[in-house]
N, C-alpha and C. Protein backbone atom coordinates (compact mmCIF):
# COMPACT_ATOMS: atom_id res chain seq x y z
N MET A 1 -22.70 0.14 9.87
CA MET A 1 -21.46 -0.06 10.59
C MET A 1 -20.57 1.15 10.39
N ASP A 2 -20.07 1.71 11.47
CA ASP A 2 -19.27 2.91 11.35
C ASP A 2 -17.83 2.64 10.94
N ASN A 3 -17.38 1.40 10.96
CA ASN A 3 -15.99 1.15 10.58
C ASN A 3 -15.86 0.49 9.21
N ILE A 4 -16.92 0.47 8.43
CA ILE A 4 -16.87 -0.13 7.10
C ILE A 4 -17.55 0.79 6.10
N GLU A 5 -16.89 1.04 5.00
CA GLU A 5 -17.48 1.79 3.90
C GLU A 5 -17.68 0.81 2.76
N LYS A 6 -18.92 0.74 2.23
CA LYS A 6 -19.19 -0.17 1.12
C LYS A 6 -19.24 0.59 -0.18
N MET A 7 -18.66 0.01 -1.23
CA MET A 7 -18.67 0.60 -2.56
C MET A 7 -18.72 -0.57 -3.53
N ASP A 8 -19.85 -0.72 -4.21
CA ASP A 8 -20.04 -1.89 -5.06
C ASP A 8 -19.77 -3.14 -4.23
N ASN A 9 -18.79 -3.93 -4.62
CA ASN A 9 -18.45 -5.14 -3.89
C ASN A 9 -17.24 -4.91 -2.98
N ILE A 10 -16.82 -3.66 -2.84
CA ILE A 10 -15.63 -3.31 -2.05
C ILE A 10 -16.04 -2.92 -0.64
N GLU A 11 -15.36 -3.49 0.33
CA GLU A 11 -15.53 -3.10 1.72
C GLU A 11 -14.20 -2.52 2.21
N ILE A 12 -14.27 -1.41 2.93
CA ILE A 12 -13.08 -0.81 3.54
C ILE A 12 -13.21 -1.05 5.03
N ILE A 13 -12.27 -1.80 5.60
CA ILE A 13 -12.38 -2.14 7.01
C ILE A 13 -11.17 -1.64 7.80
N ARG A 14 -11.43 -1.41 9.08
CA ARG A 14 -10.38 -1.14 10.04
C ARG A 14 -9.99 -2.49 10.62
N ALA A 15 -8.79 -2.91 10.35
CA ALA A 15 -8.36 -4.26 10.74
C ALA A 15 -8.08 -4.29 12.23
N ALA A 16 -9.01 -4.86 12.97
CA ALA A 16 -8.89 -4.92 14.42
C ALA A 16 -8.44 -6.30 14.91
N GLU A 17 -8.60 -7.30 14.07
CA GLU A 17 -8.24 -8.66 14.46
C GLU A 17 -7.12 -9.18 13.57
N GLU A 18 -6.42 -10.20 14.06
CA GLU A 18 -5.25 -10.70 13.34
C GLU A 18 -5.61 -11.19 11.94
N TRP A 19 -6.74 -11.86 11.76
CA TRP A 19 -7.11 -12.35 10.44
C TRP A 19 -7.32 -11.19 9.47
N GLN A 20 -7.77 -10.03 9.97
CA GLN A 20 -7.93 -8.86 9.12
C GLN A 20 -6.57 -8.24 8.78
N ARG A 21 -5.67 -8.19 9.77
CA ARG A 21 -4.32 -7.69 9.51
C ARG A 21 -3.60 -8.59 8.51
N ALA A 22 -3.92 -9.88 8.53
CA ALA A 22 -3.33 -10.80 7.54
C ALA A 22 -3.69 -10.37 6.13
N GLY A 23 -4.87 -9.78 5.95
CA GLY A 23 -5.25 -9.25 4.64
C GLY A 23 -4.33 -8.12 4.21
N ALA A 24 -3.99 -7.25 5.15
CA ALA A 24 -3.06 -6.15 4.85
C ALA A 24 -1.70 -6.72 4.44
N TYR A 25 -1.24 -7.72 5.18
CA TYR A 25 0.06 -8.33 4.88
C TYR A 25 0.03 -9.02 3.51
N SER A 26 -1.08 -9.66 3.18
CA SER A 26 -1.22 -10.33 1.90
C SER A 26 -1.06 -9.35 0.74
N VAL A 27 -1.72 -8.20 0.84
CA VAL A 27 -1.63 -7.18 -0.20
C VAL A 27 -0.19 -6.69 -0.32
N ARG A 28 0.45 -6.47 0.81
CA ARG A 28 1.83 -5.98 0.78
C ARG A 28 2.79 -7.01 0.18
N ILE A 29 2.56 -8.27 0.47
CA ILE A 29 3.42 -9.32 -0.12
C ILE A 29 3.25 -9.33 -1.63
N GLN A 30 1.99 -9.30 -2.09
CA GLN A 30 1.75 -9.34 -3.53
C GLN A 30 2.17 -8.05 -4.23
N GLY A 31 1.88 -6.91 -3.61
CA GLY A 31 2.11 -5.63 -4.26
C GLY A 31 3.53 -5.09 -4.14
N MET A 32 4.25 -5.51 -3.13
CA MET A 32 5.62 -4.98 -2.95
C MET A 32 6.66 -6.10 -3.06
N ASN A 33 6.50 -7.16 -2.30
CA ASN A 33 7.47 -8.25 -2.32
C ASN A 33 7.55 -8.89 -3.69
N ARG A 34 6.42 -9.27 -4.25
CA ARG A 34 6.42 -9.95 -5.55
C ARG A 34 6.61 -8.98 -6.71
N GLN A 35 5.88 -7.86 -6.70
CA GLN A 35 5.92 -6.95 -7.85
C GLN A 35 7.23 -6.17 -7.93
N HIS A 36 7.74 -5.69 -6.80
CA HIS A 36 8.92 -4.84 -6.82
C HIS A 36 10.18 -5.55 -6.30
N GLY A 37 10.06 -6.81 -5.93
CA GLY A 37 11.21 -7.55 -5.45
C GLY A 37 11.71 -7.09 -4.10
N ILE A 38 10.84 -6.47 -3.32
CA ILE A 38 11.20 -6.03 -1.97
C ILE A 38 11.23 -7.28 -1.08
N SER A 39 12.30 -7.48 -0.37
CA SER A 39 12.38 -8.66 0.50
C SER A 39 11.35 -8.55 1.62
N LEU A 40 10.94 -9.67 2.14
CA LEU A 40 10.00 -9.67 3.27
C LEU A 40 10.59 -8.89 4.43
N ARG A 41 11.87 -9.01 4.68
CA ARG A 41 12.52 -8.30 5.80
C ARG A 41 12.45 -6.79 5.61
N GLU A 42 12.57 -6.33 4.36
CA GLU A 42 12.47 -4.89 4.11
C GLU A 42 11.03 -4.40 4.19
N GLU A 43 10.10 -5.20 3.70
CA GLU A 43 8.70 -4.79 3.68
C GLU A 43 8.08 -4.80 5.07
N PHE A 44 8.44 -5.77 5.88
CA PHE A 44 7.88 -5.90 7.22
C PHE A 44 8.94 -5.50 8.23
N ASP A 45 8.62 -4.47 9.00
CA ASP A 45 9.61 -3.91 9.92
C ASP A 45 9.13 -3.99 11.36
N ASP A 46 9.88 -3.39 12.24
CA ASP A 46 9.55 -3.42 13.67
C ASP A 46 8.28 -2.66 14.00
N LEU A 47 7.76 -1.90 13.05
CA LEU A 47 6.54 -1.13 13.27
C LEU A 47 5.29 -1.93 12.93
N ASP A 48 5.44 -3.09 12.31
CA ASP A 48 4.28 -3.92 12.00
C ASP A 48 3.79 -4.61 13.27
N GLY A 49 2.52 -5.02 13.24
CA GLY A 49 1.90 -5.60 14.42
C GLY A 49 1.39 -4.48 15.31
N GLU A 50 1.18 -4.77 16.58
CA GLU A 50 0.72 -3.76 17.53
C GLU A 50 1.86 -2.79 17.81
N PRO A 51 1.65 -1.51 17.97
CA PRO A 51 0.37 -0.81 17.99
C PRO A 51 -0.02 -0.17 16.65
N SER A 52 0.61 -0.56 15.54
CA SER A 52 0.19 -0.02 14.25
C SER A 52 -1.26 -0.38 13.97
N ARG A 53 -1.90 0.46 13.18
CA ARG A 53 -3.29 0.22 12.80
C ARG A 53 -3.35 0.10 11.28
N TYR A 54 -4.26 -0.74 10.81
CA TYR A 54 -4.33 -1.08 9.39
C TYR A 54 -5.73 -0.87 8.84
N ILE A 55 -5.78 -0.42 7.59
CA ILE A 55 -7.01 -0.34 6.82
C ILE A 55 -6.85 -1.35 5.68
N VAL A 56 -7.91 -2.09 5.39
CA VAL A 56 -7.86 -3.08 4.31
C VAL A 56 -9.11 -2.92 3.45
N ALA A 57 -8.90 -2.91 2.13
CA ALA A 57 -10.02 -2.95 1.19
C ALA A 57 -10.19 -4.38 0.73
N LEU A 58 -11.42 -4.85 0.80
CA LEU A 58 -11.75 -6.22 0.40
C LEU A 58 -12.69 -6.19 -0.79
N ASP A 59 -12.42 -7.03 -1.77
CA ASP A 59 -13.31 -7.21 -2.91
C ASP A 59 -13.90 -8.59 -2.79
N GLY A 60 -15.15 -8.66 -2.35
CA GLY A 60 -15.78 -9.96 -2.13
C GLY A 60 -15.02 -10.80 -1.11
N GLY A 61 -14.43 -10.15 -0.13
CA GLY A 61 -13.67 -10.84 0.91
C GLY A 61 -12.19 -11.01 0.61
N TYR A 62 -11.76 -10.68 -0.63
CA TYR A 62 -10.37 -10.83 -1.04
C TYR A 62 -9.65 -9.50 -0.81
N PRO A 63 -8.53 -9.47 -0.06
CA PRO A 63 -7.82 -8.22 0.20
C PRO A 63 -7.15 -7.68 -1.05
N VAL A 64 -7.42 -6.37 -1.35
CA VAL A 64 -6.91 -5.78 -2.60
C VAL A 64 -6.17 -4.46 -2.41
N ALA A 65 -6.29 -3.85 -1.23
CA ALA A 65 -5.59 -2.58 -0.96
C ALA A 65 -5.44 -2.43 0.55
N THR A 66 -4.43 -1.66 0.95
CA THR A 66 -4.18 -1.49 2.37
C THR A 66 -3.37 -0.24 2.65
N CYS A 67 -3.32 0.16 3.90
CA CYS A 67 -2.37 1.13 4.43
C CYS A 67 -2.27 0.91 5.93
N ARG A 68 -1.24 1.50 6.53
CA ARG A 68 -1.08 1.40 7.98
C ARG A 68 -0.69 2.77 8.51
N PHE A 69 -0.93 2.96 9.81
CA PHE A 69 -0.42 4.15 10.48
C PHE A 69 -0.05 3.80 11.90
N PHE A 70 0.84 4.62 12.46
CA PHE A 70 1.28 4.43 13.84
C PHE A 70 1.62 5.79 14.43
N GLU A 71 1.56 5.87 15.74
CA GLU A 71 1.83 7.12 16.45
C GLU A 71 3.31 7.49 16.36
N LYS A 72 3.56 8.77 16.04
CA LYS A 72 4.92 9.33 16.11
C LYS A 72 5.12 9.97 17.48
N ASP A 73 4.12 10.74 17.88
CA ASP A 73 4.09 11.36 19.21
C ASP A 73 2.62 11.61 19.55
N GLU A 74 2.36 12.30 20.65
CA GLU A 74 0.97 12.43 21.12
C GLU A 74 0.07 13.22 20.18
N LYS A 75 0.64 13.96 19.22
CA LYS A 75 -0.20 14.73 18.31
C LYS A 75 -0.11 14.32 16.86
N SER A 76 0.79 13.37 16.52
CA SER A 76 0.96 13.04 15.10
C SER A 76 1.16 11.55 14.86
N VAL A 77 0.87 11.16 13.62
CA VAL A 77 1.05 9.78 13.19
C VAL A 77 1.85 9.76 11.90
N SER A 78 2.37 8.59 11.61
CA SER A 78 3.02 8.33 10.33
C SER A 78 2.13 7.37 9.56
N LEU A 79 1.78 7.73 8.35
CA LEU A 79 0.93 6.91 7.48
C LEU A 79 1.82 6.35 6.37
N GLY A 80 1.62 5.09 6.05
CA GLY A 80 2.43 4.51 5.00
C GLY A 80 1.97 3.13 4.59
N ARG A 81 2.86 2.45 3.85
CA ARG A 81 2.57 1.12 3.33
C ARG A 81 1.22 1.11 2.62
N VAL A 82 0.98 2.20 1.85
CA VAL A 82 -0.23 2.28 1.02
C VAL A 82 0.04 1.45 -0.23
N VAL A 83 -0.71 0.37 -0.38
CA VAL A 83 -0.49 -0.56 -1.49
C VAL A 83 -1.85 -0.97 -2.07
N VAL A 84 -1.94 -0.91 -3.38
CA VAL A 84 -3.12 -1.40 -4.11
C VAL A 84 -2.60 -2.44 -5.10
N LEU A 85 -3.26 -3.59 -5.14
CA LEU A 85 -2.83 -4.61 -6.09
C LEU A 85 -2.90 -4.06 -7.52
N PRO A 86 -1.94 -4.43 -8.36
CA PRO A 86 -1.87 -3.85 -9.71
C PRO A 86 -3.19 -3.91 -10.49
N GLU A 87 -3.88 -5.02 -10.42
CA GLU A 87 -5.12 -5.15 -11.19
C GLU A 87 -6.27 -4.31 -10.64
N TYR A 88 -6.08 -3.67 -9.48
CA TYR A 88 -7.12 -2.82 -8.87
C TYR A 88 -6.76 -1.34 -8.91
N ARG A 89 -5.61 -1.01 -9.46
CA ARG A 89 -5.20 0.40 -9.51
C ARG A 89 -6.10 1.16 -10.48
N GLY A 90 -6.26 2.45 -10.19
CA GLY A 90 -7.11 3.30 -11.02
C GLY A 90 -8.57 3.24 -10.63
N ARG A 91 -8.89 2.56 -9.54
CA ARG A 91 -10.28 2.44 -9.09
C ARG A 91 -10.54 3.21 -7.79
N GLU A 92 -9.62 4.13 -7.44
CA GLU A 92 -9.78 4.99 -6.27
C GLU A 92 -9.60 4.25 -4.93
N LEU A 93 -9.07 3.04 -4.95
CA LEU A 93 -8.94 2.29 -3.70
C LEU A 93 -7.85 2.86 -2.80
N GLY A 94 -6.80 3.39 -3.37
CA GLY A 94 -5.78 4.06 -2.56
C GLY A 94 -6.38 5.23 -1.80
N ARG A 95 -7.17 6.03 -2.50
CA ARG A 95 -7.84 7.16 -1.86
C ARG A 95 -8.78 6.69 -0.75
N LEU A 96 -9.52 5.62 -1.02
CA LEU A 96 -10.47 5.13 -0.03
C LEU A 96 -9.79 4.64 1.25
N VAL A 97 -8.68 3.90 1.11
CA VAL A 97 -8.02 3.41 2.33
C VAL A 97 -7.36 4.56 3.09
N VAL A 98 -6.79 5.54 2.37
CA VAL A 98 -6.19 6.69 3.06
C VAL A 98 -7.28 7.51 3.73
N ASN A 99 -8.41 7.73 3.07
CA ASN A 99 -9.51 8.49 3.68
C ASN A 99 -10.01 7.82 4.95
N GLU A 100 -10.15 6.50 4.92
CA GLU A 100 -10.61 5.80 6.12
C GLU A 100 -9.57 5.90 7.23
N ALA A 101 -8.29 5.81 6.88
CA ALA A 101 -7.23 5.98 7.88
C ALA A 101 -7.32 7.39 8.49
N GLU A 102 -7.53 8.39 7.66
CA GLU A 102 -7.63 9.77 8.16
C GLU A 102 -8.81 9.93 9.11
N LYS A 103 -9.94 9.31 8.81
CA LYS A 103 -11.10 9.37 9.71
C LYS A 103 -10.73 8.77 11.07
N TRP A 104 -10.09 7.61 11.03
CA TRP A 104 -9.70 6.92 12.26
C TRP A 104 -8.69 7.76 13.04
N ILE A 105 -7.73 8.33 12.34
CA ILE A 105 -6.71 9.18 12.95
C ILE A 105 -7.36 10.36 13.66
N ALA A 106 -8.33 11.01 13.00
CA ALA A 106 -9.04 12.14 13.60
C ALA A 106 -9.82 11.70 14.83
N GLU A 107 -10.49 10.55 14.74
CA GLU A 107 -11.25 10.03 15.89
C GLU A 107 -10.34 9.76 17.09
N LEU A 108 -9.12 9.37 16.82
CA LEU A 108 -8.16 9.10 17.89
C LEU A 108 -7.54 10.37 18.46
N GLY A 109 -7.83 11.52 17.83
CA GLY A 109 -7.40 12.81 18.36
C GLY A 109 -6.07 13.34 17.85
N TYR A 110 -5.51 12.73 16.83
CA TYR A 110 -4.26 13.23 16.27
C TYR A 110 -4.55 14.39 15.32
N GLY A 111 -3.61 15.33 15.23
CA GLY A 111 -3.82 16.50 14.40
C GLY A 111 -2.91 16.61 13.19
N GLU A 112 -1.90 15.71 13.09
CA GLU A 112 -0.95 15.79 12.00
C GLU A 112 -0.63 14.39 11.47
N ILE A 113 -0.44 14.33 10.15
CA ILE A 113 -0.07 13.08 9.50
C ILE A 113 1.19 13.32 8.68
N PHE A 114 2.16 12.44 8.83
CA PHE A 114 3.39 12.50 8.05
C PHE A 114 3.47 11.26 7.16
N ILE A 115 4.01 11.43 5.96
CA ILE A 115 4.15 10.34 5.01
C ILE A 115 5.53 10.45 4.35
N ASP A 116 6.20 9.32 4.20
CA ASP A 116 7.37 9.25 3.33
C ASP A 116 6.84 8.71 2.01
N SER A 117 6.64 9.59 1.04
CA SER A 117 6.02 9.23 -0.23
C SER A 117 7.07 8.95 -1.29
N ARG A 118 6.82 7.91 -2.09
CA ARG A 118 7.65 7.75 -3.28
C ARG A 118 7.48 9.00 -4.14
N VAL A 119 8.55 9.44 -4.76
CA VAL A 119 8.49 10.63 -5.60
C VAL A 119 7.39 10.47 -6.65
N THR A 120 7.24 9.27 -7.20
CA THR A 120 6.23 9.04 -8.23
C THR A 120 4.80 9.10 -7.70
N ALA A 121 4.61 9.10 -6.37
CA ALA A 121 3.26 9.11 -5.79
C ALA A 121 2.89 10.47 -5.19
N THR A 122 3.76 11.47 -5.29
CA THR A 122 3.46 12.74 -4.64
C THR A 122 2.17 13.38 -5.17
N GLY A 123 1.89 13.25 -6.45
CA GLY A 123 0.66 13.81 -7.02
C GLY A 123 -0.58 13.20 -6.39
N PHE A 124 -0.54 11.90 -6.13
CA PHE A 124 -1.66 11.21 -5.45
C PHE A 124 -1.91 11.85 -4.09
N TYR A 125 -0.85 12.02 -3.30
CA TYR A 125 -1.01 12.58 -1.96
C TYR A 125 -1.38 14.06 -2.00
N GLU A 126 -0.84 14.80 -2.96
CA GLU A 126 -1.20 16.22 -3.08
C GLU A 126 -2.70 16.37 -3.34
N LYS A 127 -3.29 15.49 -4.15
CA LYS A 127 -4.74 15.53 -4.39
C LYS A 127 -5.53 15.29 -3.11
N LEU A 128 -4.91 14.61 -2.13
CA LEU A 128 -5.56 14.33 -0.85
C LEU A 128 -5.24 15.39 0.20
N GLY A 129 -4.54 16.45 -0.21
CA GLY A 129 -4.28 17.56 0.70
C GLY A 129 -2.93 17.54 1.40
N TYR A 130 -2.04 16.64 1.01
CA TYR A 130 -0.71 16.59 1.61
C TYR A 130 0.22 17.54 0.88
N GLU A 131 1.21 18.04 1.61
CA GLU A 131 2.20 18.95 1.04
C GLU A 131 3.59 18.39 1.30
N GLN A 132 4.49 18.63 0.36
CA GLN A 132 5.88 18.24 0.58
C GLN A 132 6.47 19.14 1.65
N ILE A 133 7.29 18.56 2.52
CA ILE A 133 7.88 19.33 3.60
C ILE A 133 9.05 20.16 3.10
N ASP A 134 10.02 19.52 2.45
CA ASP A 134 11.19 20.27 2.01
C ASP A 134 11.67 19.87 0.61
N GLY A 135 11.05 18.86 0.01
CA GLY A 135 11.43 18.43 -1.33
C GLY A 135 12.71 17.62 -1.38
N LYS A 136 13.36 17.42 -0.24
CA LYS A 136 14.61 16.66 -0.19
C LYS A 136 14.32 15.18 -0.47
N VAL A 137 15.01 14.62 -1.45
CA VAL A 137 14.80 13.21 -1.82
C VAL A 137 15.65 12.32 -0.92
N ILE A 138 14.99 11.31 -0.35
CA ILE A 138 15.65 10.34 0.51
C ILE A 138 15.44 8.95 -0.08
N LYS A 139 16.32 8.04 0.20
CA LYS A 139 16.19 6.67 -0.28
C LYS A 139 15.45 5.84 0.76
N SER A 140 14.49 5.08 0.31
CA SER A 140 13.79 4.11 1.16
C SER A 140 13.76 2.82 0.35
N GLY A 141 14.66 1.90 0.68
CA GLY A 141 14.81 0.70 -0.14
C GLY A 141 15.21 1.14 -1.53
N PRO A 142 14.56 0.61 -2.56
CA PRO A 142 14.92 0.98 -3.93
C PRO A 142 14.25 2.27 -4.42
N PHE A 143 13.43 2.89 -3.56
CA PHE A 143 12.61 4.02 -3.99
C PHE A 143 13.19 5.37 -3.56
N ASP A 144 13.01 6.37 -4.42
CA ASP A 144 13.29 7.76 -4.06
C ASP A 144 12.01 8.30 -3.42
N CYS A 145 12.15 8.89 -2.23
CA CYS A 145 11.00 9.36 -1.48
C CYS A 145 11.19 10.79 -1.00
N VAL A 146 10.06 11.44 -0.69
CA VAL A 146 10.06 12.77 -0.07
C VAL A 146 9.12 12.73 1.11
N LYS A 147 9.39 13.59 2.08
CA LYS A 147 8.52 13.69 3.25
C LYS A 147 7.35 14.62 2.92
N MET A 148 6.15 14.17 3.33
CA MET A 148 4.95 14.96 3.12
C MET A 148 4.20 15.08 4.44
N TYR A 149 3.26 16.04 4.48
CA TYR A 149 2.60 16.38 5.73
C TYR A 149 1.16 16.85 5.44
N LYS A 150 0.29 16.57 6.41
CA LYS A 150 -1.08 17.10 6.33
C LYS A 150 -1.55 17.42 7.74
N LYS A 151 -2.10 18.61 7.92
CA LYS A 151 -2.70 18.99 9.19
C LYS A 151 -4.18 18.62 9.10
N MET A 152 -4.65 17.94 10.11
CA MET A 152 -6.06 17.50 10.12
C MET A 152 -6.99 18.66 10.43
């Protein structure tokens, strides 16, 4: 299957159906709403649902990591809402969901990816080839963030 990467008991899927997107939402509720006290209204915005696209990592069918992306313009997308459940961190699942999103983004013909990264996560994105745009810190909810960029 070209839209699934298997690793041990982990499946990385492109969420094309609502039940699959529900897996992405489940991870975000557990990883952001519950862990960081982010309200549902702050975590889920007008960009959720169609036409955003979601990647979900499943462990034996249980959703454990996710990310989403959406079109900014005809040549670029915004990638975000990268969340890995706390008990699954350190197992490369963030990298796997971002890599699968990048494959999908390239297949769709986009050439640029933008991310609003938490300051504490910039090292993660830099390892994946992203660069800070200007280093200016912006507030996104309770988090300090910087804008990052990657040319495909």
